Amino acid sequence: MLRISFRLGGEIIEVVSKGNNIFFSDPATNMLTTIEGLRLSKAGVIKEFPDLKNKKNWKEEAIKRFKNHIKSLDKEEDVSDYIVKELKKYGYEPLLKQKAGFRPKRL
């Protein structure tokens, strides 16, 4: 299990990776959600996947593509590197990375 903490503005968001399963957590409320529970902006999805611009089910298709890409990655470490790289593009500042309960490392 890997846990990565990010800062976006004044909020802290944690991404938890358990194998190929990704969960998002808000440390303030301690609530855990899957990607289906996240708010996705249509502009951000279209920026990443321009072919979804005129589709009615753009959110479901974007989530499906994200999940398929995560499943194609072999190791948890590859998954965490991908998530850090992708979220950095959208202004998320990586703070800490913690693996299997060990001490967190600064990123």
PDB file of N, CA and C in Angstrom:
ATOM      1  N   MET A   1       0.835  -1.175   0.000  1.00  0.00           N
ATOM      2  CA  MET A   1       0.000   0.000   0.000  1.00  0.00           C
ATOM      3  C   MET A   1       0.879   1.238   0.000  1.00  0.00           C
ATOM      4  N   LEU A   2       0.558   2.167  -0.893  1.00  0.00           N
ATOM      5  CA  LEU A   2       1.254   3.441  -0.971  1.00  0.00           C
ATOM      6  C   LEU A   2       0.277   4.566  -0.694  1.00  0.00           C
ATOM      7  N   ARG A   3       0.748   5.565   0.014  1.00  0.00           N
ATOM      8  CA  ARG A   3      -0.075   6.743   0.311  1.00  0.00           C
ATOM      9  C   ARG A   3       0.749   7.964  -0.098  1.00  0.00           C
ATOM     10  N   ILE A   4       0.154   8.804  -0.958  1.00  0.00           N
ATOM     11  CA  ILE A   4       0.830  10.010  -1.426  1.00  0.00           C
ATOM     12  C   ILE A   4      -0.021  11.211  -1.040  1.00  0.00           C
ATOM     13  N   SER A   5       0.615  12.194  -0.424  1.00  0.00           N
ATOM     14  CA  SER A   5      -0.093  13.418  -0.019  1.00  0.00           C
ATOM     15  C   SER A   5       0.234  14.541  -0.997  1.00  0.00           C
ATOM     16  N   PHE A   6      -0.809  15.280  -1.388  1.00  0.00           N
ATOM     17  CA  PHE A   6      -0.673  16.410  -2.293  1.00  0.00           C
ATOM     18  C   PHE A   6      -1.295  17.643  -1.657  1.00  0.00           C
ATOM     19  N   ARG A   7      -0.818  18.809  -2.083  1.00  0.00           N
ATOM     20  CA  ARG A   7      -1.431  20.070  -1.685  1.00  0.00           C
ATOM     21  C   ARG A   7      -1.982  20.722  -2.944  1.00  0.00           C
ATOM     22  N   LEU A   8      -3.221  21.158  -2.861  1.00  0.00           N
ATOM     23  CA  LEU A   8      -3.843  21.934  -3.934  1.00  0.00           C
ATOM     24  C   LEU A   8      -4.482  23.138  -3.282  1.00  0.00           C
ATOM     25  N   GLY A   9      -3.858  24.283  -3.455  1.00  0.00           N
ATOM     26  CA  GLY A   9      -4.319  25.486  -2.763  1.00  0.00           C
ATOM     27  C   GLY A   9      -4.125  25.296  -1.270  1.00  0.00           C
ATOM     28  N   GLY A  10      -5.180  25.419  -0.503  1.00  0.00           N
ATOM     29  CA  GLY A  10      -5.098  25.232   0.944  1.00  0.00           C
ATOM     30  C   GLY A  10      -5.503  23.848   1.392  1.00  0.00           C
ATOM     31  N   GLU A  11      -5.851  22.970   0.457  1.00  0.00           N
ATOM     32  CA  GLU A  11      -6.320  21.627   0.806  1.00  0.00           C
ATOM     33  C   GLU A  11      -5.206  20.590   0.694  1.00  0.00           C
ATOM     34  N   ILE A  12      -5.270  19.602   1.550  1.00  0.00           N
ATOM     35  CA  ILE A  12      -4.396  18.443   1.469  1.00  0.00           C
ATOM     36  C   ILE A  12      -5.248  17.263   0.996  1.00  0.00           C
ATOM     37  N   ILE A  13      -4.764  16.570  -0.012  1.00  0.00           N
ATOM     38  CA  ILE A  13      -5.463  15.410  -0.569  1.00  0.00           C
ATOM     39  C   ILE A  13      -4.500  14.246  -0.568  1.00  0.00           C
ATOM     40  N   GLU A  14      -4.996  13.074  -0.186  1.00  0.00           N
ATOM     41  CA  GLU A  14      -4.168  11.878  -0.192  1.00  0.00           C
ATOM     42  C   GLU A  14      -4.686  10.903  -1.232  1.00  0.00           C
ATOM     43  N   VAL A  15      -3.749  10.265  -1.922  1.00  0.00           N
ATOM     44  CA  VAL A  15      -4.070   9.215  -2.882  1.00  0.00           C
ATOM     45  C   VAL A  15      -3.503   7.932  -2.305  1.00  0.00           C
ATOM     46  N   VAL A  16      -4.362   6.930  -2.180  1.00  0.00           N
ATOM     47  CA  VAL A  16      -3.961   5.649  -1.617  1.00  0.00           C
ATOM     48  C   VAL A  16      -4.008   4.611  -2.724  1.00  0.00           C
ATOM     49  N   SER A  17      -2.899   3.903  -2.911  1.00  0.00           N
ATOM     50  CA  SER A  17      -2.815   2.880  -3.936  1.00  0.00           C
ATOM     51  C   SER A  17      -2.676   1.521  -3.257  1.00  0.00           C
ATOM     52  N   LYS A  18      -3.629   0.642  -3.536  1.00  0.00           N
ATOM     53  CA  LYS A  18      -3.578  -0.734  -3.034  1.00  0.00           C
ATOM     54  C   LYS A  18      -3.605  -1.638  -4.255  1.00  0.00           C
ATOM     55  N   GLY A  19      -2.420  -2.043  -4.709  1.00  0.00           N
ATOM     56  CA  GLY A  19      -2.349  -2.808  -5.947  1.00  0.00           C
ATOM     57  C   GLY A  19      -2.761  -1.912  -7.097  1.00  0.00           C
ATOM     58  N   ASN A  20      -3.757  -2.346  -7.861  1.00  0.00           N
ATOM     59  CA  ASN A  20      -4.269  -1.534  -8.965  1.00  0.00           C
ATOM     60  C   ASN A  20      -5.498  -0.729  -8.574  1.00  0.00           C
ATOM     61  N   ASN A  21      -5.838  -0.705  -7.306  1.00  0.00           N
ATOM     62  CA  ASN A  21      -6.988   0.064  -6.833  1.00  0.00           C
ATOM     63  C   ASN A  21      -6.498   1.401  -6.279  1.00  0.00           C
ATOM     64  N   ILE A  22      -7.162   2.465  -6.708  1.00  0.00           N
ATOM     65  CA  ILE A  22      -6.791   3.811  -6.294  1.00  0.00           C
ATOM     66  C   ILE A  22      -7.944   4.417  -5.501  1.00  0.00           C
ATOM     67  N   PHE A  23      -7.610   4.996  -4.356  1.00  0.00           N
ATOM     68  CA  PHE A  23      -8.592   5.675  -3.517  1.00  0.00           C
ATOM     69  C   PHE A  23      -8.099   7.079  -3.237  1.00  0.00           C
ATOM     70  N   PHE A  24      -9.020   8.007  -3.059  1.00  0.00           N
ATOM     71  CA  PHE A  24      -8.702   9.392  -2.755  1.00  0.00           C
ATOM     72  C   PHE A  24      -9.275   9.704  -1.384  1.00  0.00           C
ATOM     73  N   SER A  25      -8.494  10.434  -0.580  1.00  0.00           N
ATOM     74  CA  SER A  25      -8.886  10.692   0.794  1.00  0.00           C
ATOM     75  C   SER A  25      -8.689  12.158   1.133  1.00  0.00           C
ATOM     76  N   ASP A  26      -9.588  12.662   1.951  1.00  0.00           N
ATOM     77  CA  ASP A  26      -9.463  14.002   2.512  1.00  0.00           C
ATOM     78  C   ASP A  26      -9.100  13.813   3.987  1.00  0.00           C
ATOM     79  N   PRO A  27      -7.856  14.123   4.378  1.00  0.00           N
ATOM     80  CA  PRO A  27      -7.440  13.895   5.776  1.00  0.00           C
ATOM     81  C   PRO A  27      -8.284  14.652   6.796  1.00  0.00           C
ATOM     82  N   ALA A  28      -8.864  15.775   6.419  1.00  0.00           N
ATOM     83  CA  ALA A  28      -9.670  16.551   7.359  1.00  0.00           C
ATOM     84  C   ALA A  28     -10.933  15.790   7.756  1.00  0.00           C
ATOM     85  N   THR A  29     -11.564  15.133   6.792  1.00  0.00           N
ATOM     86  CA  THR A  29     -12.795  14.401   7.076  1.00  0.00           C
ATOM     87  C   THR A  29     -12.553  12.904   7.202  1.00  0.00           C
ATOM     88  N   ASN A  30     -11.372  12.461   6.795  1.00  0.00           N
ATOM     89  CA  ASN A  30     -10.994  11.046   6.845  1.00  0.00           C
ATOM     90  C   ASN A  30     -11.930  10.172   6.001  1.00  0.00           C
ATOM     91  N   MET A  31     -12.479  10.759   4.931  1.00  0.00           N
ATOM     92  CA  MET A  31     -13.351  10.011   4.036  1.00  0.00           C
ATOM     93  C   MET A  31     -12.544   9.500   2.854  1.00  0.00           C
ATOM     94  N   LEU A  32     -12.798   8.272   2.463  1.00  0.00           N
ATOM     95  CA  LEU A  32     -12.111   7.608   1.366  1.00  0.00           C
ATOM     96  C   LEU A  32     -13.104   7.402   0.232  1.00  0.00           C
ATOM     97  N   THR A  33     -12.701   7.742  -1.002  1.00  0.00           N
ATOM     98  CA  THR A  33     -13.580   7.561  -2.145  1.00  0.00           C
ATOM     99  C   THR A  33     -12.793   7.011  -3.321  1.00  0.00           C
ATOM    100  N   THR A  34     -13.492   6.380  -4.245  1.00  0.00           N
ATOM    101  CA  THR A  34     -12.873   5.930  -5.482  1.00  0.00           C
ATOM    102  C   THR A  34     -12.936   7.082  -6.478  1.00  0.00           C
ATOM    103  N   ILE A  35     -12.405   6.863  -7.651  1.00  0.00           N
ATOM    104  CA  ILE A  35     -12.422   7.930  -8.654  1.00  0.00           C
ATOM    105  C   ILE A  35     -13.846   8.307  -9.057  1.00  0.00           C
ATOM    106  N   GLU A  36     -14.791   7.384  -8.934  1.00  0.00           N
ATOM    107  CA  GLU A  36     -16.182   7.704  -9.266  1.00  0.00           C
ATOM    108  C   GLU A  36     -16.742   8.792  -8.356  1.00  0.00           C
ATOM    109  N   GLY A  37     -16.195   8.921  -7.159  1.00  0.00           N
ATOM    110  CA  GLY A  37     -16.679   9.912  -6.211  1.00  0.00           C
ATOM    111  C   GLY A  37     -16.053  11.280  -6.370  1.00  0.00           C
ATOM    112  N   LEU A  38     -15.095  11.414  -7.268  1.00  0.00           N
ATOM    113  CA  LEU A  38     -14.424  12.697  -7.448  1.00  0.00           C
ATOM    114  C   LEU A  38     -15.188  13.595  -8.395  1.00  0.00           C
ATOM    115  N   ARG A  39     -15.010  14.879  -8.195  1.00  0.00           N
ATOM    116  CA  ARG A  39     -15.571  15.847  -9.134  1.00  0.00           C
ATOM    117  C   ARG A  39     -14.555  16.019 -10.250  1.00  0.00           C
ATOM    118  N   LEU A  40     -14.964  15.755 -11.466  1.00  0.00           N
ATOM    119  CA  LEU A  40     -14.090  15.940 -12.625  1.00  0.00           C
ATOM    120  C   LEU A  40     -14.609  17.129 -13.419  1.00  0.00           C
ATOM    121  N   SER A  41     -13.693  17.969 -13.854  1.00  0.00           N
ATOM    122  CA  SER A  41     -14.125  19.096 -14.681  1.00  0.00           C
ATOM    123  C   SER A  41     -14.115  18.651 -16.137  1.00  0.00           C
ATOM    124  N   LYS A  42     -15.144  19.033 -16.860  1.00  0.00           N
ATOM    125  CA  LYS A  42     -15.238  18.649 -18.265  1.00  0.00           C
ATOM    126  C   LYS A  42     -14.075  19.245 -19.055  1.00  0.00           C
ATOM    127  N   ALA A  43     -13.673  20.468 -18.734  1.00  0.00           N
ATOM    128  CA  ALA A  43     -12.562  21.109 -19.445  1.00  0.00           C
ATOM    129  C   ALA A  43     -11.261  20.319 -19.255  1.00  0.00           C
ATOM    130  N   GLY A  44     -11.028  19.828 -18.041  1.00  0.00           N
ATOM    131  CA  GLY A  44      -9.824  19.040 -17.782  1.00  0.00           C
ATOM    132  C   GLY A  44      -9.848  17.706 -18.491  1.00  0.00           C
ATOM    133  N   VAL A  45     -11.012  17.067 -18.524  1.00  0.00           N
ATOM    134  CA  VAL A  45     -11.142  15.785 -19.211  1.00  0.00           C
ATOM    135  C   VAL A  45     -10.947  15.978 -20.711  1.00  0.00           C
ATOM    136  N   ILE A  46     -11.522  17.030 -21.274  1.00  0.00           N
ATOM    137  CA  ILE A  46     -11.386  17.285 -22.714  1.00  0.00           C
ATOM    138  C   ILE A  46      -9.939  17.619 -23.067  1.00  0.00           C
ATOM    139  N   LYS A  47      -9.245  18.285 -22.144  1.00  0.00           N
ATOM    140  CA  LYS A  47      -7.829  18.598 -22.375  1.00  0.00           C
ATOM    141  C   LYS A  47      -7.023  17.300 -22.493  1.00  0.00           C
ATOM    142  N   GLU A  48      -7.350  16.322 -21.678  1.00  0.00           N
ATOM    143  CA  GLU A  48      -6.646  15.040 -21.687  1.00  0.00           C
ATOM    144  C   GLU A  48      -7.149  14.128 -22.806  1.00  0.00           C
ATOM    145  N   PHE A  49      -8.459  14.128 -23.041  1.00  0.00           N
ATOM    146  CA  PHE A  49      -9.081  13.256 -24.047  1.00  0.00           C
ATOM    147  C   PHE A  49      -9.975  14.106 -24.956  1.00  0.00           C
ATOM    148  N   PRO A  50      -9.409  14.747 -25.983  1.00  0.00           N
ATOM    149  CA  PRO A  50     -10.196  15.639 -26.846  1.00  0.00           C
ATOM    150  C   PRO A  50     -11.364  14.946 -27.550  1.00  0.00           C
ATOM    151  N   ASP A  51     -11.281  13.656 -27.774  1.00  0.00           N
ATOM    152  CA  ASP A  51     -12.356  12.947 -28.477  1.00  0.00           C
ATOM    153  C   ASP A  51     -13.637  12.833 -27.645  1.00  0.00           C
ATOM    154  N   LEU A  52     -13.591  13.150 -26.359  1.00  0.00           N
ATOM    155  CA  LEU A  52     -14.773  13.056 -25.499  1.00  0.00           C
ATOM    156  C   LEU A  52     -15.574  14.362 -25.456  1.00  0.00           C
ATOM    157  N   LYS A  53     -15.171  15.345 -26.240  1.00  0.00           N
ATOM    158  CA  LYS A  53     -15.779  16.679 -26.171  1.00  0.00           C
ATOM    159  C   LYS A  53     -17.302  16.658 -26.361  1.00  0.00           C
ATOM    160  N   ASN A  54     -17.796  15.938 -27.329  1.00  0.00           N
ATOM    161  CA  ASN A  54     -19.222  15.967 -27.645  1.00  0.00           C
ATOM    162  C   ASN A  54     -19.987  14.748 -27.157  1.00  0.00           C
ATOM    163  N   LYS A  55     -19.373  13.937 -26.311  1.00  0.00           N
ATOM    164  CA  LYS A  55     -20.060  12.745 -25.804  1.00  0.00           C
ATOM    165  C   LYS A  55     -20.831  13.082 -24.536  1.00  0.00           C
ATOM    166  N   LYS A  56     -21.997  12.474 -24.408  1.00  0.00           N
ATOM    167  CA  LYS A  56     -22.809  12.704 -23.207  1.00  0.00           C
ATOM    168  C   LYS A  56     -22.223  12.003 -21.985  1.00  0.00           C
ATOM    169  N   ASN A  57     -21.613  10.847 -22.195  1.00  0.00           N
ATOM    170  CA  ASN A  57     -21.061  10.074 -21.079  1.00  0.00           C
ATOM    171  C   ASN A  57     -19.553  10.308 -20.943  1.00  0.00           C
ATOM    172  N   TRP A  58     -19.104  11.550 -21.071  1.00  0.00           N
ATOM    173  CA  TRP A  58     -17.688  11.877 -21.029  1.00  0.00           C
ATOM    174  C   TRP A  58     -17.034  11.487 -19.714  1.00  0.00           C
ATOM    175  N   LYS A  59     -17.742  11.656 -18.605  1.00  0.00           N
ATOM    176  CA  LYS A  59     -17.167  11.351 -17.295  1.00  0.00           C
ATOM    177  C   LYS A  59     -16.936   9.846 -17.139  1.00  0.00           C
ATOM    178  N   GLU A  60     -17.925   9.043 -17.491  1.00  0.00           N
ATOM    179  CA  GLU A  60     -17.803   7.583 -17.364  1.00  0.00           C
ATOM    180  C   GLU A  60     -16.681   7.054 -18.252  1.00  0.00           C
ATOM    181  N   GLU A  61     -16.574   7.594 -19.471  1.00  0.00           N
ATOM    182  CA  GLU A  61     -15.532   7.151 -20.404  1.00  0.00           C
ATOM    183  C   GLU A  61     -14.139   7.535 -19.897  1.00  0.00           C
ATOM    184  N   ALA A  62     -13.994   8.733 -19.337  1.00  0.00           N
ATOM    185  CA  ALA A  62     -12.702   9.168 -18.787  1.00  0.00           C
ATOM    186  C   ALA A  62     -12.297   8.282 -17.616  1.00  0.00           C
ATOM    187  N   ILE A  63     -13.246   7.943 -16.754  1.00  0.00           N
ATOM    188  CA  ILE A  63     -12.958   7.074 -15.609  1.00  0.00           C
ATOM    189  C   ILE A  63     -12.543   5.696 -16.090  1.00  0.00           C
ATOM    190  N   LYS A  64     -13.234   5.182 -17.100  1.00  0.00           N
ATOM    191  CA  LYS A  64     -12.910   3.861 -17.651  1.00  0.00           C
ATOM    192  C   LYS A  64     -11.493   3.851 -18.220  1.00  0.00           C
ATOM    193  N   ARG A  65     -11.125   4.894 -18.935  1.00  0.00           N
ATOM    194  CA  ARG A  65      -9.769   4.976 -19.507  1.00  0.00           C
ATOM    195  C   ARG A  65      -8.709   5.060 -18.415  1.00  0.00           C
ATOM    196  N   PHE A  66      -8.992   5.823 -17.363  1.00  0.00           N
ATOM    197  CA  PHE A  66      -8.050   5.936 -16.242  1.00  0.00           C
ATOM    198  C   PHE A  66      -7.840   4.566 -15.589  1.00  0.00           C
ATOM    199  N   LYS A  67      -8.940   3.863 -15.337  1.00  0.00           N
ATOM    200  CA  LYS A  67      -8.848   2.552 -14.695  1.00  0.00           C
ATOM    201  C   LYS A  67      -8.081   1.559 -15.563  1.00  0.00           C
ATOM    202  N   ASN A  68      -8.341   1.577 -16.868  1.00  0.00           N
ATOM    203  CA  ASN A  68      -7.634   0.669 -17.770  1.00  0.00           C
ATOM    204  C   ASN A  68      -6.143   0.952 -17.791  1.00  0.00           C
ATOM    205  N   HIS A  69      -5.782   2.234 -17.744  1.00  0.00           N
ATOM    206  CA  HIS A  69      -4.356   2.570 -17.731  1.00  0.00           C
ATOM    207  C   HIS A  69      -3.705   2.111 -16.429  1.00  0.00           C
ATOM    208  N   ILE A  70      -4.379   2.304 -15.322  1.00  0.00           N
ATOM    209  CA  ILE A  70      -3.841   1.863 -14.026  1.00  0.00           C
ATOM    210  C   ILE A  70      -3.650   0.348 -14.019  1.00  0.00           C
ATOM    211  N   LYS A  71      -4.620  -0.388 -14.564  1.00  0.00           N
ATOM    212  CA  LYS A  71      -4.508  -1.848 -14.608  1.00  0.00           C
ATOM    213  C   LYS A  71      -3.350  -2.312 -15.477  1.00  0.00           C
ATOM    214  N   SER A  72      -2.984  -1.511 -16.474  1.00  0.00           N
ATOM    215  CA  SER A  72      -1.890  -1.901 -17.369  1.00  0.00           C
ATOM    216  C   SER A  72      -0.517  -1.743 -16.714  1.00  0.00           C
ATOM    217  N   LEU A  73      -0.444  -0.999 -15.615  1.00  0.00           N
ATOM    218  CA  LEU A  73       0.829  -0.808 -14.917  1.00  0.00           C
ATOM    219  C   LEU A  73       1.086  -1.992 -13.993  1.00  0.00           C
ATOM    220  N   ASP A  74       2.333  -2.451 -13.952  1.00  0.00           N
ATOM    221  CA  ASP A  74       2.667  -3.681 -13.237  1.00  0.00           C
ATOM    222  C   ASP A  74       2.812  -3.505 -11.734  1.00  0.00           C
ATOM    223  N   LYS A  75       3.535  -2.483 -11.306  1.00  0.00           N
ATOM    224  CA  LYS A  75       3.876  -2.339  -9.890  1.00  0.00           C
ATOM    225  C   LYS A  75       3.178  -1.142  -9.265  1.00  0.00           C
ATOM    226  N   GLU A  76       3.013  -1.208  -7.952  1.00  0.00           N
ATOM    227  CA  GLU A  76       2.451  -0.077  -7.204  1.00  0.00           C
ATOM    228  C   GLU A  76       3.307   1.169  -7.377  1.00  0.00           C
ATOM    229  N   GLU A  77       4.606   0.970  -7.461  1.00  0.00           N
ATOM    230  CA  GLU A  77       5.533   2.089  -7.627  1.00  0.00           C
ATOM    231  C   GLU A  77       5.283   2.798  -8.963  1.00  0.00           C
ATOM    232  N   ASP A  78       5.009   2.017 -10.020  1.00  0.00           N
ATOM    233  CA  ASP A  78       4.691   2.605 -11.325  1.00  0.00           C
ATOM    234  C   ASP A  78       3.380   3.395 -11.258  1.00  0.00           C
ATOM    235  N   VAL A  79       2.413   2.857 -10.531  1.00  0.00           N
ATOM    236  CA  VAL A  79       1.125   3.524 -10.368  1.00  0.00           C
ATOM    237  C   VAL A  79       1.330   4.858  -9.649  1.00  0.00           C
ATOM    238  N   SER A  80       2.108   4.855  -8.580  1.00  0.00           N
ATOM    239  CA  SER A  80       2.317   6.099  -7.823  1.00  0.00           C
ATOM    240  C   SER A  80       3.082   7.126  -8.657  1.00  0.00           C
ATOM    241  N   ASP A  81       4.077   6.685  -9.438  1.00  0.00           N
ATOM    242  CA  ASP A  81       4.816   7.618 -10.288  1.00  0.00           C
ATOM    243  C   ASP A  81       3.892   8.247 -11.337  1.00  0.00           C
ATOM    244  N   TYR A  82       2.999   7.428 -11.901  1.00  0.00           N
ATOM    245  CA  TYR A  82       2.045   7.921 -12.898  1.00  0.00           C
ATOM    246  C   TYR A  82       1.112   8.964 -12.271  1.00  0.00           C
ATOM    247  N   ILE A  83       0.612   8.679 -11.089  1.00  0.00           N
ATOM    248  CA  ILE A  83      -0.320   9.596 -10.425  1.00  0.00           C
ATOM    249  C   ILE A  83       0.370  10.917 -10.088  1.00  0.00           C
ATOM    250  N   VAL A  84       1.590  10.855  -9.577  1.00  0.00           N
ATOM    251  CA  VAL A  84       2.333  12.078  -9.255  1.00  0.00           C
ATOM    252  C   VAL A  84       2.540  12.900 -10.520  1.00  0.00           C
ATOM    253  N   LYS A  85       2.959  12.238 -11.604  1.00  0.00           N
ATOM    254  CA  LYS A  85       3.202  12.940 -12.868  1.00  0.00           C
ATOM    255  C   LYS A  85       1.925  13.590 -13.396  1.00  0.00           C
ATOM    256  N   GLU A  86       0.820  12.859 -13.361  1.00  0.00           N
ATOM    257  CA  GLU A  86      -0.438  13.378 -13.892  1.00  0.00           C
ATOM    258  C   GLU A  86      -0.993  14.524 -13.043  1.00  0.00           C
ATOM    259  N   LEU A  87      -0.965  14.380 -11.730  1.00  0.00           N
ATOM    260  CA  LEU A  87      -1.541  15.418 -10.878  1.00  0.00           C
ATOM    261  C   LEU A  87      -0.687  16.683 -10.849  1.00  0.00           C
ATOM    262  N   LYS A  88       0.622  16.551 -11.047  1.00  0.00           N
ATOM    263  CA  LYS A  88       1.498  17.721 -11.105  1.00  0.00           C
ATOM    264  C   LYS A  88       1.077  18.649 -12.244  1.00  0.00           C
ATOM    265  N   LYS A  89       0.614  18.050 -13.349  1.00  0.00           N
ATOM    266  CA  LYS A  89       0.195  18.845 -14.506  1.00  0.00           C
ATOM    267  C   LYS A  89      -0.967  19.772 -14.171  1.00  0.00           C
ATOM    268  N   TYR A  90      -1.755  19.402 -13.183  1.00  0.00           N
ATOM    269  CA  TYR A  90      -2.951  20.171 -12.840  1.00  0.00           C
ATOM    270  C   TYR A  90      -2.790  20.993 -11.568  1.00  0.00           C
ATOM    271  N   GLY A  91      -1.536  21.222 -11.159  1.00  0.00           N
ATOM    272  CA  GLY A  91      -1.292  22.126 -10.042  1.00  0.00           C
ATOM    273  C   GLY A  91      -1.202  21.465  -8.678  1.00  0.00           C
ATOM    274  N   TYR A  92      -1.289  20.151  -8.609  1.00  0.00           N
ATOM    275  CA  TYR A  92      -1.149  19.464  -7.326  1.00  0.00           C
ATOM    276  C   TYR A  92       0.332  19.405  -6.977  1.00  0.00           C
ATOM    277  N   GLU A  93       0.654  19.778  -5.757  1.00  0.00           N
ATOM    278  CA  GLU A  93       2.045  19.764  -5.295  1.00  0.00           C
ATOM    279  C   GLU A  93       2.269  18.518  -4.432  1.00  0.00           C
ATOM    280  N   PRO A  94       3.106  17.568  -4.911  1.00  0.00           N
ATOM    281  CA  PRO A  94       3.345  16.364  -4.107  1.00  0.00           C
ATOM    282  C   PRO A  94       4.132  16.708  -2.847  1.00  0.00           C
ATOM    283  N   LEU A  95       3.691  16.179  -1.717  1.00  0.00           N
ATOM    284  CA  LEU A  95       4.331  16.472  -0.439  1.00  0.00           C
ATOM    285  C   LEU A  95       5.059  15.253   0.117  1.00  0.00           C
ATOM    286  N   LEU A  96       4.305  14.184   0.396  1.00  0.00           N
ATOM    287  CA  LEU A  96       4.858  13.013   1.073  1.00  0.00           C
ATOM    288  C   LEU A  96       4.445  11.732   0.372  1.00  0.00           C
ATOM    289  N   LYS A  97       5.291  10.725   0.508  1.00  0.00           N
ATOM    290  CA  LYS A  97       4.993   9.395  -0.011  1.00  0.00           C
ATOM    291  C   LYS A  97       5.310   8.390   1.088  1.00  0.00           C
ATOM    292  N   GLN A  98       4.342   7.548   1.409  1.00  0.00           N
ATOM    293  CA  GLN A  98       4.506   6.574   2.484  1.00  0.00           C
ATOM    294  C   GLN A  98       4.201   5.190   1.929  1.00  0.00           C
ATOM    295  N   LYS A  99       5.090   4.261   2.163  1.00  0.00           N
ATOM    296  CA  LYS A  99       4.912   2.904   1.652  1.00  0.00           C
ATOM    297  C   LYS A  99       4.715   1.928   2.797  1.00  0.00           C
ATOM    298  N   ALA A 100       3.591   1.229   2.777  1.00  0.00           N
ATOM    299  CA  ALA A 100       3.275   0.127   3.702  1.00  0.00           C
ATOM    300  C   ALA A 100       3.527   0.453   5.172  1.00  0.00           C
ATOM    301  N   GLY A 101       3.164   1.638   5.613  1.00  0.00           N
ATOM    302  CA  GLY A 101       3.281   1.991   7.009  1.00  0.00           C
ATOM    303  C   GLY A 101       4.641   2.483   7.455  1.00  0.00           C
ATOM    304  N   PHE A 102       5.630   2.510   6.554  1.00  0.00           N
ATOM    305  CA  PHE A 102       6.930   3.038   6.898  1.00  0.00           C
ATOM    306  C   PHE A 102       6.848   4.553   7.016  1.00  0.00           C
ATOM    307  N   ARG A 103       7.910   5.158   7.466  1.00  0.00           N
ATOM    308  CA  ARG A 103       7.934   6.619   7.596  1.00  0.00           C
ATOM    309  C   ARG A 103       7.731   7.276   6.231  1.00  0.00           C
ATOM    310  N   PRO A 104       6.987   8.358   6.218  1.00  0.00           N
ATOM    311  CA  PRO A 104       6.783   9.080   4.940  1.00  0.00           C
ATOM    312  C   PRO A 104       8.063   9.745   4.491  1.00  0.00           C
ATOM    313  N   LYS A 105       8.250   9.796   3.171  1.00  0.00           N
ATOM    314  CA  LYS A 105       9.396  10.487   2.562  1.00  0.00           C
ATOM    315  C   LYS A 105       8.890  11.722   1.834  1.00  0.00           C
ATOM    316  N   ARG A 106       9.667  12.795   1.939  1.00  0.00           N
ATOM    317  CA  ARG A 106       9.308  14.020   1.224  1.00  0.00           C
ATOM    318  C   ARG A 106       9.550  13.824  -0.277  1.00  0.00           C
ATOM    319  N   LEU A 107       8.659  14.395  -1.058  1.00  0.00           N
ATOM    320  CA  LEU A 107       8.823  14.334  -2.518  1.00  0.00           C
ATOM    321  C   LEU A 107       9.321  15.666  -3.052  1.00  0.00           C
TER     322      LEU A 107
END
